[in-house]
Amino acid sequence: MTPDEVARYAESLPQVKRKGTESRPGWYVKDRLVVRLHDPSTLVIRVPLSRRESLLETYPDSFGVPPRMETHHKIEAYLDRADPRAVRAAIDLAWEMQQG
C-alpha cells in the first residue's frame, strides 16, 4: 500500500479530515487521530488496545508496536510489506474508535 492509497482510503471515511504537513499528513475525526504517516513507509494507527493483539497475531508482517507505543492505543503499519486489507481493517477500527 502506498501513502496515496492510505490517503484515499482514509479520506473516503465519513467526517475524516486531513491535517499535518505534506511530509507527515494525518487523518482525524473530530480532532482525534485515526492514522498518520510517520515516515514514507510507516503509518501510526490509533486502535483499541483490546483489538491490537489480534491485529498483531493475525498480520505479524504488517504491524508492530515499538516500545514507545506499548501503553498507547497505537500500532505501526509497515507499508512496504503490509497486507492492504490489514491496513484498511486497522484504519476502520481507528475510525470506529474515534466516533465515540
Protein backbone atom coordinates (compact mmCIF):
# COMPACT_ATOMS: atom_id res chain seq x y z
CA MET A 1 0.00 0.00 0.00
CA THR A 2 1.27 3.46 -0.79
CA PRO A 3 0.79 6.67 1.22
CA ASP A 4 -1.51 7.92 -1.57
CA GLU A 5 -3.69 4.81 -1.24
CA VAL A 6 -3.83 5.34 2.53
CA ALA A 7 -4.88 8.94 1.95
CA ARG A 8 -7.62 7.97 -0.49
CA TYR A 9 -8.95 5.30 1.86
CA ALA A 10 -8.85 7.45 5.00
CA GLU A 11 -10.47 10.38 3.22
CA SER A 12 -13.27 8.10 1.96
CA LEU A 13 -14.48 7.58 5.56
CA PRO A 14 -17.18 9.94 6.88
CA GLN A 15 -16.01 13.00 8.83
CA VAL A 16 -12.29 12.30 8.27
CA LYS A 17 -10.21 15.42 7.74
CA ARG A 18 -6.60 15.63 6.63
CA LYS A 19 -4.22 17.66 8.78
CA GLY A 20 -0.49 17.81 9.37
CA THR A 21 2.20 18.59 6.86
CA GLU A 22 2.90 17.38 3.35
CA SER A 23 5.59 15.01 4.63
CA ARG A 24 3.65 13.89 7.74
CA PRO A 25 -0.05 14.05 6.97
CA GLY A 26 -2.58 12.74 9.43
CA TRP A 27 -6.27 11.95 9.21
CA TYR A 28 -8.57 12.83 12.06
CA VAL A 29 -12.20 12.64 13.16
CA LYS A 30 -13.27 15.50 15.44
CA ASP A 31 -9.57 16.36 16.01
CA ARG A 32 -8.89 12.79 17.17
CA LEU A 33 -6.20 10.80 15.39
CA VAL A 34 -7.21 7.96 13.10
CA VAL A 35 -3.98 7.44 11.13
CA ARG A 36 -0.78 9.42 10.49
CA LEU A 37 2.13 8.89 8.15
CA HIS A 38 5.17 8.63 10.41
CA ASP A 39 7.68 8.31 7.56
CA PRO A 40 7.36 7.28 3.88
CA SER A 41 6.92 3.60 4.76
CA THR A 42 5.37 3.64 8.26
CA LEU A 43 1.90 4.54 9.49
CA VAL A 44 0.79 5.13 13.04
CA ILE A 45 -2.78 3.94 13.51
CA ARG A 46 -4.81 4.50 16.65
CA VAL A 47 -6.55 1.24 17.55
CA PRO A 48 -8.31 -0.01 20.67
CA LEU A 49 -5.90 -1.83 22.97
CA SER A 50 -8.44 -4.65 23.16
CA ARG A 51 -8.04 -5.29 19.42
CA ARG A 52 -4.33 -4.60 18.99
CA GLU A 53 -3.09 -8.09 19.93
CA SER A 54 -5.47 -9.67 17.46
CA LEU A 55 -4.10 -7.49 14.66
CA LEU A 56 -0.53 -8.35 15.63
CA GLU A 57 -1.26 -12.08 15.73
CA THR A 58 -3.29 -12.15 12.52
CA TYR A 59 -0.92 -9.92 10.49
CA PRO A 60 2.55 -10.22 12.09
CA ASP A 61 4.33 -8.92 8.97
CA SER A 62 2.04 -5.91 8.64
CA PHE A 63 2.11 -4.44 12.14
CA GLY A 64 4.34 -3.81 15.11
CA VAL A 65 4.34 -1.96 18.42
CA PRO A 66 7.61 -0.21 19.26
CA PRO A 67 8.37 0.27 22.97
CA ARG A 68 7.33 3.94 22.86
CA MET A 69 3.79 2.89 21.90
CA GLU A 70 3.24 -0.03 24.26
CA THR A 71 0.96 1.89 26.64
CA HIS A 72 -0.82 3.84 23.90
CA HIS A 73 -3.76 2.94 21.67
CA LYS A 74 -1.43 2.82 18.67
CA ILE A 75 0.12 0.39 16.25
CA GLU A 76 2.59 0.83 13.42
CA ALA A 77 1.84 -0.46 9.93
CA TYR A 78 4.79 -1.14 7.61
CA LEU A 79 3.64 -0.14 4.14
CA ASP A 80 6.45 -1.90 2.30
CA ARG A 81 5.17 -5.29 3.49
CA ALA A 82 1.69 -4.75 4.97
CA ASP A 83 -1.34 -6.55 3.63
CA PRO A 84 -3.58 -3.73 2.31
CA ARG A 85 -6.65 -5.46 3.78
CA ALA A 86 -4.98 -5.42 7.19
CA VAL A 87 -4.18 -1.71 6.94
CA ARG A 88 -7.74 -0.89 5.91
CA ALA A 89 -9.10 -3.03 8.78
CA ALA A 90 -6.90 -1.20 11.30
CA ILE A 91 -7.93 2.19 9.88
CA ASP A 92 -11.57 1.10 10.18
CA LEU A 93 -11.02 0.18 13.85
CA ALA A 94 -9.41 3.57 14.46
CA TRP A 95 -12.26 5.37 12.72
CA GLU A 96 -14.85 3.46 14.77
CA MET A 97 -12.93 4.21 17.98
CA GLN A 98 -12.98 7.95 17.27
CA GLN A 99 -16.73 8.06 16.69
CA GLY A 100 -17.46 7.88 20.44
